[in-house]
Amino acid sequence: MDVEVTNYKRCSLVKAVGRIDSASAPQLGEELDQVMARGQYKIVLDLKSVDFISSSGLRVLVTTLKNCRKYNRGDLILARVPERVHAALDMAGFLPFLKIFDDVTSAVGHF
């Protein structure tokens, strides 16, 4: 899995490419932790090129979401979520807690 981080004035855009499974979820978690370590708690996660997410990947999303929302500092927003990943999020019951946008521009503009 590849992860690319782009910092904007109001938020950080994190693009993930490939599968988010037990082997690659720690890498995504580390990248997201580095973004938060720089004091950026407003994060847009672009999942367009992700074709699979496992429970390990879902755990990374929940941990990041909790850290971003802690003390009302920011939020984790998902953009361009593929149908297969959307179904996994729905099955896990995460949809009520997540903000999902159809395009990156709208997601970044939300902040």
PDB file of N, CA and C in Angstrom:
ATOM      1  N   MET A   1       0.838  -1.178   0.000  1.00  0.00           N
ATOM      2  CA  MET A   1       0.000   0.000   0.000  1.00  0.00           C
ATOM      3  C   MET A   1       0.883   1.242   0.000  1.00  0.00           C
ATOM      4  N   ASP A   2       0.461   2.238  -0.747  1.00  0.00           N
ATOM      5  CA  ASP A   2       1.149   3.519  -0.791  1.00  0.00           C
ATOM      6  C   ASP A   2       0.281   4.574  -0.121  1.00  0.00           C
ATOM      7  N   VAL A   3       0.932   5.495   0.580  1.00  0.00           N
ATOM      8  CA  VAL A   3       0.231   6.594   1.242  1.00  0.00           C
ATOM      9  C   VAL A   3       0.922   7.893   0.855  1.00  0.00           C
ATOM     10  N   GLU A   4       0.125   8.865   0.414  1.00  0.00           N
ATOM     11  CA  GLU A   4       0.650  10.173   0.027  1.00  0.00           C
ATOM     12  C   GLU A   4      -0.056  11.241   0.848  1.00  0.00           C
ATOM     13  N   VAL A   5       0.719  12.127   1.476  1.00  0.00           N
ATOM     14  CA  VAL A   5       0.156  13.185   2.311  1.00  0.00           C
ATOM     15  C   VAL A   5       0.414  14.544   1.658  1.00  0.00           C
ATOM     16  N   THR A   6      -0.641  15.341   1.529  1.00  0.00           N
ATOM     17  CA  THR A   6      -0.541  16.701   1.017  1.00  0.00           C
ATOM     18  C   THR A   6      -1.107  17.631   2.076  1.00  0.00           C
ATOM     19  N   ASN A   7      -0.318  18.596   2.499  1.00  0.00           N
ATOM     20  CA  ASN A   7      -0.764  19.544   3.521  1.00  0.00           C
ATOM     21  C   ASN A   7      -1.311  20.802   2.874  1.00  0.00           C
ATOM     22  N   TYR A   8      -2.500  21.194   3.292  1.00  0.00           N
ATOM     23  CA  TYR A   8      -3.123  22.435   2.873  1.00  0.00           C
ATOM     24  C   TYR A   8      -3.184  23.373   4.071  1.00  0.00           C
ATOM     25  N   LYS A   9      -3.654  24.564   3.833  1.00  0.00           N
ATOM     26  CA  LYS A   9      -3.700  25.557   4.903  1.00  0.00           C
ATOM     27  C   LYS A   9      -4.618  25.114   6.054  1.00  0.00           C
ATOM     28  N   ARG A  10      -5.775  24.579   5.723  1.00  0.00           N
ATOM     29  CA  ARG A  10      -6.758  24.229   6.749  1.00  0.00           C
ATOM     30  C   ARG A  10      -6.824  22.747   7.093  1.00  0.00           C
ATOM     31  N   CYS A  11      -6.242  21.887   6.261  1.00  0.00           N
ATOM     32  CA  CYS A  11      -6.332  20.448   6.523  1.00  0.00           C
ATOM     33  C   CYS A  11      -5.220  19.707   5.801  1.00  0.00           C
ATOM     34  N   SER A  12      -5.150  18.416   6.064  1.00  0.00           N
ATOM     35  CA  SER A  12      -4.207  17.537   5.370  1.00  0.00           C
ATOM     36  C   SER A  12      -4.998  16.513   4.571  1.00  0.00           C
ATOM     37  N   LEU A  13      -4.551  16.262   3.342  1.00  0.00           N
ATOM     38  CA  LEU A  13      -5.167  15.267   2.474  1.00  0.00           C
ATOM     39  C   LEU A  13      -4.262  14.041   2.453  1.00  0.00           C
ATOM     40  N   VAL A  14      -4.818  12.897   2.832  1.00  0.00           N
ATOM     41  CA  VAL A  14      -4.069  11.639   2.855  1.00  0.00           C
ATOM     42  C   VAL A  14      -4.698  10.723   1.813  1.00  0.00           C
ATOM     43  N   LYS A  15      -3.902  10.323   0.812  1.00  0.00           N
ATOM     44  CA  LYS A  15      -4.379   9.425  -0.236  1.00  0.00           C
ATOM     45  C   LYS A  15      -3.782   8.047  -0.001  1.00  0.00           C
ATOM     46  N   ALA A  16      -4.657   7.056   0.075  1.00  0.00           N
ATOM     47  CA  ALA A  16      -4.226   5.672   0.244  1.00  0.00           C
ATOM     48  C   ALA A  16      -4.464   4.927  -1.068  1.00  0.00           C
ATOM     49  N   VAL A  17      -3.510   4.082  -1.429  1.00  0.00           N
ATOM     50  CA  VAL A  17      -3.602   3.311  -2.666  1.00  0.00           C
ATOM     51  C   VAL A  17      -3.327   1.847  -2.343  1.00  0.00           C
ATOM     52  N   GLY A  18      -4.237   0.966  -2.748  1.00  0.00           N
ATOM     53  CA  GLY A  18      -4.034  -0.464  -2.539  1.00  0.00           C
ATOM     54  C   GLY A  18      -4.995  -1.018  -1.499  1.00  0.00           C
ATOM     55  N   ARG A  19      -4.583  -2.112  -0.882  1.00  0.00           N
ATOM     56  CA  ARG A  19      -5.396  -2.779   0.131  1.00  0.00           C
ATOM     57  C   ARG A  19      -5.009  -2.284   1.522  1.00  0.00           C
ATOM     58  N   ILE A  20      -6.016  -2.074   2.358  1.00  0.00           N
ATOM     59  CA  ILE A  20      -5.754  -1.757   3.762  1.00  0.00           C
ATOM     60  C   ILE A  20      -6.122  -3.007   4.546  1.00  0.00           C
ATOM     61  N   ASP A  21      -5.106  -3.804   4.832  1.00  0.00           N
ATOM     62  CA  ASP A  21      -5.321  -5.058   5.558  1.00  0.00           C
ATOM     63  C   ASP A  21      -4.386  -5.111   6.757  1.00  0.00           C
ATOM     64  N   SER A  22      -4.270  -6.255   7.384  1.00  0.00           N
ATOM     65  CA  SER A  22      -3.460  -6.358   8.600  1.00  0.00           C
ATOM     66  C   SER A  22      -1.981  -6.070   8.344  1.00  0.00           C
ATOM     67  N   ALA A  23      -1.523  -6.249   7.125  1.00  0.00           N
ATOM     68  CA  ALA A  23      -0.118  -5.977   6.807  1.00  0.00           C
ATOM     69  C   ALA A  23       0.125  -4.488   6.550  1.00  0.00           C
ATOM     70  N   SER A  24      -0.847  -3.785   5.975  1.00  0.00           N
ATOM     71  CA  SER A  24      -0.634  -2.388   5.594  1.00  0.00           C
ATOM     72  C   SER A  24      -1.302  -1.378   6.522  1.00  0.00           C
ATOM     73  N   ALA A  25      -2.232  -1.818   7.360  1.00  0.00           N
ATOM     74  CA  ALA A  25      -2.927  -0.893   8.266  1.00  0.00           C
ATOM     75  C   ALA A  25      -1.965  -0.166   9.208  1.00  0.00           C
ATOM     76  N   PRO A  26      -0.942  -0.837   9.756  1.00  0.00           N
ATOM     77  CA  PRO A  26      -0.002  -0.105  10.622  1.00  0.00           C
ATOM     78  C   PRO A  26       0.711   1.037   9.892  1.00  0.00           C
ATOM     79  N   GLN A  27       1.012   0.844   8.614  1.00  0.00           N
ATOM     80  CA  GLN A  27       1.654   1.900   7.832  1.00  0.00           C
ATOM     81  C   GLN A  27       0.721   3.100   7.703  1.00  0.00           C
ATOM     82  N   LEU A  28      -0.545   2.858   7.406  1.00  0.00           N
ATOM     83  CA  LEU A  28      -1.517   3.945   7.316  1.00  0.00           C
ATOM     84  C   LEU A  28      -1.667   4.632   8.665  1.00  0.00           C
ATOM     85  N   GLY A  29      -1.715   3.843   9.730  1.00  0.00           N
ATOM     86  CA  GLY A  29      -1.822   4.406  11.074  1.00  0.00           C
ATOM     87  C   GLY A  29      -0.643   5.301  11.418  1.00  0.00           C
ATOM     88  N   GLU A  30       0.567   4.874  11.025  1.00  0.00           N
ATOM     89  CA  GLU A  30       1.760   5.682  11.288  1.00  0.00           C
ATOM     90  C   GLU A  30       1.712   7.006  10.526  1.00  0.00           C
ATOM     91  N   GLU A  31       1.287   6.965   9.275  1.00  0.00           N
ATOM     92  CA  GLU A  31       1.185   8.191   8.477  1.00  0.00           C
ATOM     93  C   GLU A  31       0.174   9.159   9.092  1.00  0.00           C
ATOM     94  N   LEU A  32      -0.965   8.625   9.512  1.00  0.00           N
ATOM     95  CA  LEU A  32      -1.981   9.470  10.129  1.00  0.00           C
ATOM     96  C   LEU A  32      -1.498  10.018  11.472  1.00  0.00           C
ATOM     97  N   ASP A  33      -0.770   9.208  12.231  1.00  0.00           N
ATOM     98  CA  ASP A  33      -0.203   9.666  13.504  1.00  0.00           C
ATOM     99  C   ASP A  33       0.809  10.789  13.281  1.00  0.00           C
ATOM    100  N   GLN A  34       1.600  10.690  12.207  1.00  0.00           N
ATOM    101  CA  GLN A  34       2.571  11.743  11.903  1.00  0.00           C
ATOM    102  C   GLN A  34       1.872  13.054  11.548  1.00  0.00           C
ATOM    103  N   VAL A  35       0.757  12.957  10.838  1.00  0.00           N
ATOM    104  CA  VAL A  35      -0.009  14.157  10.504  1.00  0.00           C
ATOM    105  C   VAL A  35      -0.518  14.812  11.790  1.00  0.00           C
ATOM    106  N   MET A  36      -1.040  14.007  12.702  1.00  0.00           N
ATOM    107  CA  MET A  36      -1.556  14.552  13.960  1.00  0.00           C
ATOM    108  C   MET A  36      -0.431  15.053  14.859  1.00  0.00           C
ATOM    109  N   ALA A  37       0.732  14.435  14.776  1.00  0.00           N
ATOM    110  CA  ALA A  37       1.879  14.883  15.578  1.00  0.00           C
ATOM    111  C   ALA A  37       2.328  16.284  15.168  1.00  0.00           C
ATOM    112  N   ARG A  38       2.060  16.651  13.909  1.00  0.00           N
ATOM    113  CA  ARG A  38       2.381  18.004  13.437  1.00  0.00           C
ATOM    114  C   ARG A  38       1.303  19.015  13.835  1.00  0.00           C
ATOM    115  N   GLY A  39       0.306  18.549  14.581  1.00  0.00           N
ATOM    116  CA  GLY A  39      -0.742  19.452  15.049  1.00  0.00           C
ATOM    117  C   GLY A  39      -1.900  19.616  14.088  1.00  0.00           C
ATOM    118  N   GLN A  40      -1.974  18.783  13.060  1.00  0.00           N
ATOM    119  CA  GLN A  40      -3.050  18.874  12.082  1.00  0.00           C
ATOM    120  C   GLN A  40      -4.082  17.788  12.403  1.00  0.00           C
ATOM    121  N   TYR A  41      -5.244  18.214  12.914  1.00  0.00           N
ATOM    122  CA  TYR A  41      -6.290  17.269  13.290  1.00  0.00           C
ATOM    123  C   TYR A  41      -7.485  17.317  12.349  1.00  0.00           C
ATOM    124  N   LYS A  42      -7.365  18.066  11.279  1.00  0.00           N
ATOM    125  CA  LYS A  42      -8.398  18.108  10.247  1.00  0.00           C
ATOM    126  C   LYS A  42      -7.842  17.338   9.054  1.00  0.00           C
ATOM    127  N   ILE A  43      -8.355  16.121   8.884  1.00  0.00           N
ATOM    128  CA  ILE A  43      -7.781  15.199   7.904  1.00  0.00           C
ATOM    129  C   ILE A  43      -8.856  14.722   6.935  1.00  0.00           C
ATOM    130  N   VAL A  44      -8.518  14.762   5.640  1.00  0.00           N
ATOM    131  CA  VAL A  44      -9.354  14.181   4.589  1.00  0.00           C
ATOM    132  C   VAL A  44      -8.632  12.936   4.094  1.00  0.00           C
ATOM    133  N   LEU A  45      -9.304  11.797   4.159  1.00  0.00           N
ATOM    134  CA  LEU A  45      -8.727  10.532   3.710  1.00  0.00           C
ATOM    135  C   LEU A  45      -9.379  10.151   2.391  1.00  0.00           C
ATOM    136  N   ASP A  46      -8.586  10.195   1.309  1.00  0.00           N
ATOM    137  CA  ASP A  46      -9.059   9.860  -0.034  1.00  0.00           C
ATOM    138  C   ASP A  46      -8.887   8.357  -0.243  1.00  0.00           C
ATOM    139  N   LEU A  47      -9.997   7.654  -0.387  1.00  0.00           N
ATOM    140  CA  LEU A  47      -9.965   6.190  -0.512  1.00  0.00           C
ATOM    141  C   LEU A  47     -10.286   5.706  -1.923  1.00  0.00           C
ATOM    142  N   LYS A  48     -10.198   6.588  -2.917  1.00  0.00           N
ATOM    143  CA  LYS A  48     -10.578   6.214  -4.283  1.00  0.00           C
ATOM    144  C   LYS A  48      -9.839   4.969  -4.783  1.00  0.00           C
ATOM    145  N   SER A  49      -8.569   4.861  -4.460  1.00  0.00           N
ATOM    146  CA  SER A  49      -7.756   3.757  -4.982  1.00  0.00           C
ATOM    147  C   SER A  49      -7.623   2.599  -4.005  1.00  0.00           C
ATOM    148  N   VAL A  50      -8.488   2.536  -3.018  1.00  0.00           N
ATOM    149  CA  VAL A  50      -8.487   1.423  -2.061  1.00  0.00           C
ATOM    150  C   VAL A  50      -9.560   0.439  -2.485  1.00  0.00           C
ATOM    151  N   ASP A  51      -9.171  -0.820  -2.671  1.00  0.00           N
ATOM    152  CA  ASP A  51     -10.144  -1.808  -3.117  1.00  0.00           C
ATOM    153  C   ASP A  51     -10.588  -2.762  -2.015  1.00  0.00           C
ATOM    154  N   PHE A  52      -9.946  -2.678  -0.835  1.00  0.00           N
ATOM    155  CA  PHE A  52     -10.311  -3.573   0.270  1.00  0.00           C
ATOM    156  C   PHE A  52      -9.887  -2.939   1.581  1.00  0.00           C
ATOM    157  N   ILE A  53     -10.723  -3.078   2.614  1.00  0.00           N
ATOM    158  CA  ILE A  53     -10.351  -2.634   3.957  1.00  0.00           C
ATOM    159  C   ILE A  53     -10.757  -3.730   4.938  1.00  0.00           C
ATOM    160  N   SER A  54      -9.820  -4.119   5.786  1.00  0.00           N
ATOM    161  CA  SER A  54     -10.083  -5.175   6.763  1.00  0.00           C
ATOM    162  C   SER A  54     -10.425  -4.553   8.109  1.00  0.00           C
ATOM    163  N   SER A  55     -10.648  -5.407   9.104  1.00  0.00           N
ATOM    164  CA  SER A  55     -10.946  -4.914  10.450  1.00  0.00           C
ATOM    165  C   SER A  55      -9.774  -4.121  11.016  1.00  0.00           C
ATOM    166  N   SER A  56      -8.557  -4.464  10.626  1.00  0.00           N
ATOM    167  CA  SER A  56      -7.388  -3.697  11.068  1.00  0.00           C
ATOM    168  C   SER A  56      -7.436  -2.276  10.511  1.00  0.00           C
ATOM    169  N   GLY A  57      -7.835  -2.144   9.269  1.00  0.00           N
ATOM    170  CA  GLY A  57      -7.975  -0.829   8.661  1.00  0.00           C
ATOM    171  C   GLY A  57      -9.101  -0.032   9.302  1.00  0.00           C
ATOM    172  N   LEU A  58     -10.210  -0.707   9.619  1.00  0.00           N
ATOM    173  CA  LEU A  58     -11.315  -0.036  10.296  1.00  0.00           C
ATOM    174  C   LEU A  58     -10.886   0.457  11.672  1.00  0.00           C
ATOM    175  N   ARG A  59     -10.059  -0.318  12.355  1.00  0.00           N
ATOM    176  CA  ARG A  59      -9.551   0.080  13.665  1.00  0.00           C
ATOM    177  C   ARG A  59      -8.695   1.337  13.557  1.00  0.00           C
ATOM    178  N   VAL A  60      -7.889   1.436  12.509  1.00  0.00           N
ATOM    179  CA  VAL A  60      -7.071   2.636  12.283  1.00  0.00           C
ATOM    180  C   VAL A  60      -7.974   3.850  12.066  1.00  0.00           C
ATOM    181  N   LEU A  61      -9.047   3.678  11.298  1.00  0.00           N
ATOM    182  CA  LEU A  61      -9.979   4.776  11.055  1.00  0.00           C
ATOM    183  C   LEU A  61     -10.633   5.246  12.357  1.00  0.00           C
ATOM    184  N   VAL A  62     -11.071   4.302  13.174  1.00  0.00           N
ATOM    185  CA  VAL A  62     -11.736   4.659  14.430  1.00  0.00           C
ATOM    186  C   VAL A  62     -10.767   5.356  15.384  1.00  0.00           C
ATOM    187  N   THR A  63      -9.555   4.846  15.482  1.00  0.00           N
ATOM    188  CA  THR A  63      -8.554   5.454  16.366  1.00  0.00           C
ATOM    189  C   THR A  63      -8.239   6.877  15.921  1.00  0.00           C
ATOM    190  N   THR A  64      -8.053   7.058  14.629  1.00  0.00           N
ATOM    191  CA  THR A  64      -7.765   8.393  14.094  1.00  0.00           C
ATOM    192  C   THR A  64      -8.947   9.331  14.299  1.00  0.00           C
ATOM    193  N   LEU A  65     -10.146   8.831  14.061  1.00  0.00           N
ATOM    194  CA  LEU A  65     -11.347   9.643  14.246  1.00  0.00           C
ATOM    195  C   LEU A  65     -11.461  10.113  15.698  1.00  0.00           C
ATOM    196  N   LYS A  66     -11.225   9.207  16.634  1.00  0.00           N
ATOM    197  CA  LYS A  66     -11.301   9.569  18.061  1.00  0.00           C
ATOM    198  C   LYS A  66     -10.240  10.598  18.431  1.00  0.00           C
ATOM    199  N   ASN A  67      -9.019  10.426  17.918  1.00  0.00           N
ATOM    200  CA  ASN A  67      -7.950  11.377  18.226  1.00  0.00           C
ATOM    201  C   ASN A  67      -8.216  12.750  17.612  1.00  0.00           C
ATOM    202  N   CYS A  68      -8.781  12.772  16.409  1.00  0.00           N
ATOM    203  CA  CYS A  68      -9.079  14.050  15.760  1.00  0.00           C
ATOM    204  C   CYS A  68     -10.193  14.790  16.486  1.00  0.00           C
ATOM    205  N   ARG A  69     -11.202  14.073  16.914  1.00  0.00           N
ATOM    206  CA  ARG A  69     -12.347  14.712  17.560  1.00  0.00           C
ATOM    207  C   ARG A  69     -12.120  15.006  19.043  1.00  0.00           C
ATOM    208  N   LYS A  70     -11.060  14.457  19.605  1.00  0.00           N
ATOM    209  CA  LYS A  70     -10.761  14.672  21.020  1.00  0.00           C
ATOM    210  C   LYS A  70     -10.579  16.161  21.281  1.00  0.00           C
ATOM    211  N   TYR A  71     -11.203  16.658  22.302  1.00  0.00           N
ATOM    212  CA  TYR A  71     -11.157  18.077  22.684  1.00  0.00           C
ATOM    213  C   TYR A  71     -11.666  18.980  21.570  1.00  0.00           C
ATOM    214  N   ASN A  72     -12.473  18.425  20.654  1.00  0.00           N
ATOM    215  CA  ASN A  72     -13.067  19.196  19.564  1.00  0.00           C
ATOM    216  C   ASN A  72     -12.005  19.863  18.684  1.00  0.00           C
ATOM    217  N   ARG A  73     -10.907  19.140  18.426  1.00  0.00           N
ATOM    218  CA  ARG A  73      -9.790  19.691  17.651  1.00  0.00           C
ATOM    219  C   ARG A  73     -10.011  19.645  16.156  1.00  0.00           C
ATOM    220  N   GLY A  74     -10.688  18.639  15.671  1.00  0.00           N
ATOM    221  CA  GLY A  74     -10.834  18.486  14.227  1.00  0.00           C
ATOM    222  C   GLY A  74     -11.745  17.330  13.886  1.00  0.00           C
ATOM    223  N   ASP A  75     -11.489  16.700  12.730  1.00  0.00           N
ATOM    224  CA  ASP A  75     -12.337  15.607  12.271  1.00  0.00           C
ATOM    225  C   ASP A  75     -11.599  14.811  11.190  1.00  0.00           C
ATOM    226  N   LEU A  76     -12.040  13.602  10.987  1.00  0.00           N
ATOM    227  CA  LEU A  76     -11.570  12.759   9.890  1.00  0.00           C
ATOM    228  C   LEU A  76     -12.724  12.632   8.912  1.00  0.00           C
ATOM    229  N   ILE A  77     -12.480  13.047   7.675  1.00  0.00           N
ATOM    230  CA  ILE A  77     -13.497  12.989   6.629  1.00  0.00           C
ATOM    231  C   ILE A  77     -13.012  12.051   5.536  1.00  0.00           C
ATOM    232  N   LEU A  78     -13.911  11.222   5.032  1.00  0.00           N
ATOM    233  CA  LEU A  78     -13.571  10.306   3.945  1.00  0.00           C
ATOM    234  C   LEU A  78     -14.060  10.874   2.622  1.00  0.00           C
ATOM    235  N   ALA A  79     -13.268  10.677   1.581  1.00  0.00           N
ATOM    236  CA  ALA A  79     -13.628  11.160   0.247  1.00  0.00           C
ATOM    237  C   ALA A  79     -13.478  10.032  -0.768  1.00  0.00           C
ATOM    238  N   ARG A  80     -14.364  10.046  -1.743  1.00  0.00           N
ATOM    239  CA  ARG A  80     -14.334   9.105  -2.877  1.00  0.00           C
ATOM    240  C   ARG A  80     -14.225   7.653  -2.408  1.00  0.00           C
ATOM    241  N   VAL A  81     -15.148   7.251  -1.569  1.00  0.00           N
ATOM    242  CA  VAL A  81     -15.133   5.893  -1.004  1.00  0.00           C
ATOM    243  C   VAL A  81     -15.723   4.914  -2.018  1.00  0.00           C
ATOM    244  N   PRO A  82     -14.950   3.893  -2.415  1.00  0.00           N
ATOM    245  CA  PRO A  82     -15.481   2.897  -3.357  1.00  0.00           C
ATOM    246  C   PRO A  82     -16.641   2.113  -2.737  1.00  0.00           C
ATOM    247  N   GLU A  83     -17.484   1.561  -3.575  1.00  0.00           N
ATOM    248  CA  GLU A  83     -18.675   0.849  -3.118  1.00  0.00           C
ATOM    249  C   GLU A  83     -18.330  -0.309  -2.180  1.00  0.00           C
ATOM    250  N   ARG A  84     -17.287  -1.020  -2.495  1.00  0.00           N
ATOM    251  CA  ARG A  84     -16.901  -2.171  -1.672  1.00  0.00           C
ATOM    252  C   ARG A  84     -16.470  -1.739  -0.265  1.00  0.00           C
ATOM    253  N   VAL A  85     -15.712  -0.656  -0.179  1.00  0.00           N
ATOM    254  CA  VAL A  85     -15.274  -0.128   1.121  1.00  0.00           C
ATOM    255  C   VAL A  85     -16.470   0.469   1.852  1.00  0.00           C
ATOM    256  N   HIS A  86     -17.351   1.136   1.114  1.00  0.00           N
ATOM    257  CA  HIS A  86     -18.565   1.708   1.710  1.00  0.00           C
ATOM    258  C   HIS A  86     -19.417   0.604   2.337  1.00  0.00           C
ATOM    259  N   ALA A  87     -19.512  -0.526   1.661  1.00  0.00           N
ATOM    260  CA  ALA A  87     -20.279  -1.656   2.189  1.00  0.00           C
ATOM    261  C   ALA A  87     -19.659  -2.186   3.475  1.00  0.00           C
ATOM    262  N   ALA A  88     -18.329  -2.229   3.534  1.00  0.00           N
ATOM    263  CA  ALA A  88     -17.651  -2.697   4.753  1.00  0.00           C
ATOM    264  C   ALA A  88     -17.894  -1.722   5.910  1.00  0.00           C
ATOM    265  N   LEU A  89     -17.856  -0.426   5.616  1.00  0.00           N
ATOM    266  CA  LEU A  89     -18.126   0.577   6.650  1.00  0.00           C
ATOM    267  C   LEU A  89     -19.572   0.476   7.136  1.00  0.00           C
ATOM    268  N   ASP A  90     -20.483   0.215   6.214  1.00  0.00           N
ATOM    269  CA  ASP A  90     -21.892   0.072   6.561  1.00  0.00           C
ATOM    270  C   ASP A  90     -22.115  -1.172   7.414  1.00  0.00           C
ATOM    271  N   MET A  91     -21.496  -2.279   7.036  1.00  0.00           N
ATOM    272  CA  MET A  91     -21.655  -3.524   7.765  1.00  0.00           C
ATOM    273  C   MET A  91     -21.096  -3.413   9.186  1.00  0.00           C
ATOM    274  N   ALA A  92     -20.027  -2.636   9.344  1.00  0.00           N
ATOM    275  CA  ALA A  92     -19.419  -2.455  10.659  1.00  0.00           C
ATOM    276  C   ALA A  92     -20.185  -1.433  11.500  1.00  0.00           C
ATOM    277  N   GLY A  93     -21.127  -0.725  10.889  1.00  0.00           N
ATOM    278  CA  GLY A  93     -21.928   0.251  11.611  1.00  0.00           C
ATOM    279  C   GLY A  93     -21.252   1.592  11.797  1.00  0.00           C
ATOM    280  N   PHE A  94     -20.297   1.935  10.930  1.00  0.00           N
ATOM    281  CA  PHE A  94     -19.532   3.179  11.073  1.00  0.00           C
ATOM    282  C   PHE A  94     -20.145   4.373  10.341  1.00  0.00           C
ATOM    283  N   LEU A  95     -21.058   4.139   9.433  1.00  0.00           N
ATOM    284  CA  LEU A  95     -21.577   5.232   8.604  1.00  0.00           C
ATOM    285  C   LEU A  95     -22.193   6.387   9.394  1.00  0.00           C
ATOM    286  N   PRO A  96     -22.913   6.136  10.485  1.00  0.00           N
ATOM    287  CA  PRO A  96     -23.470   7.281  11.222  1.00  0.00           C
ATOM    288  C   PRO A  96     -22.411   8.194  11.849  1.00  0.00           C
ATOM    289  N   PHE A  97     -21.209   7.684  12.027  1.00  0.00           N
ATOM    290  CA  PHE A  97     -20.156   8.444  12.699  1.00  0.00           C
ATOM    291  C   PHE A  97     -19.201   9.147  11.744  1.00  0.00           C
ATOM    292  N   LEU A  98     -19.279   8.827  10.454  1.00  0.00           N
ATOM    293  CA  LEU A  98     -18.331   9.353   9.478  1.00  0.00           C
ATOM    294  C   LEU A  98     -18.993  10.331   8.523  1.00  0.00           C
ATOM    295  N   LYS A  99     -18.231  11.324   8.098  1.00  0.00           N
ATOM    296  CA  LYS A  99     -18.666  12.217   7.030  1.00  0.00           C
ATOM    297  C   LYS A  99     -17.991  11.730   5.758  1.00  0.00           C
ATOM    298  N   ILE A 100     -18.789  11.492   4.734  1.00  0.00           N
ATOM    299  CA  ILE A 100     -18.272  10.962   3.471  1.00  0.00           C
ATOM    300  C   ILE A 100     -18.685  11.906   2.342  1.00  0.00           C
ATOM    301  N   PHE A 101     -17.697  12.290   1.526  1.00  0.00           N
ATOM    302  CA  PHE A 101     -17.938  13.177   0.388  1.00  0.00           C
ATOM    303  C   PHE A 101     -17.609  12.445  -0.908  1.00  0.00           C
ATOM    304  N   ASP A 102     -18.297  12.846  -1.982  1.00  0.00           N
ATOM    305  CA  ASP A 102     -18.097  12.215  -3.288  1.00  0.00           C
ATOM    306  C   ASP A 102     -16.825  12.680  -3.990  1.00  0.00           C
ATOM    307  N   ASP A 103     -16.292  13.850  -3.609  1.00  0.00           N
ATOM    308  CA  ASP A 103     -15.077  14.339  -4.252  1.00  0.00           C
ATOM    309  C   ASP A 103     -14.185  15.023  -3.212  1.00  0.00           C
ATOM    310  N   VAL A 104     -12.914  15.113  -3.537  1.00  0.00           N
ATOM    311  CA  VAL A 104     -11.906  15.658  -2.624  1.00  0.00           C
ATOM    312  C   VAL A 104     -12.118  17.157  -2.413  1.00  0.00           C
ATOM    313  N   THR A 105     -12.506  17.869  -3.454  1.00  0.00           N
ATOM    314  CA  THR A 105     -12.693  19.320  -3.350  1.00  0.00           C
ATOM    315  C   THR A 105     -13.753  19.667  -2.306  1.00  0.00           C
ATOM    316  N   SER A 106     -14.857  18.965  -2.320  1.00  0.00           N
ATOM    317  CA  SER A 106     -15.914  19.211  -1.335  1.00  0.00           C
ATOM    318  C   SER A 106     -15.450  18.858   0.070  1.00  0.00           C
ATOM    319  N   ALA A 107     -14.700  17.761   0.186  1.00  0.00           N
ATOM    320  CA  ALA A 107     -14.218  17.327   1.497  1.00  0.00           C
ATOM    321  C   ALA A 107     -13.244  18.339   2.091  1.00  0.00           C
ATOM    322  N   VAL A 108     -12.292  18.787   1.281  1.00  0.00           N
ATOM    323  CA  VAL A 108     -11.320  19.789   1.746  1.00  0.00           C
ATOM    324  C   VAL A 108     -12.037  21.105   2.032  1.00  0.00           C
ATOM    325  N   GLY A 109     -13.004  21.459   1.210  1.00  0.00           N
ATOM    326  CA  GLY A 109     -13.758  22.685   1.400  1.00  0.00           C
ATOM    327  C   GLY A 109     -14.626  22.675   2.642  1.00  0.00           C
ATOM    328  N   HIS A 110     -14.932  21.489   3.150  1.00  0.00           N
ATOM    329  CA  HIS A 110     -15.750  21.370   4.361  1.00  0.00           C
ATOM    330  C   HIS A 110     -15.061  22.031   5.563  1.00  0.00           C
ATOM    331  N   PHE A 111     -13.736  22.011   5.562  1.00  0.00           N
ATOM    332  CA  PHE A 111     -12.984  22.620   6.666  1.00  0.00           C
ATOM    333  C   PHE A 111     -12.836  24.100   6.410  1.00  0.00           C
TER     334      PHE A 111
END
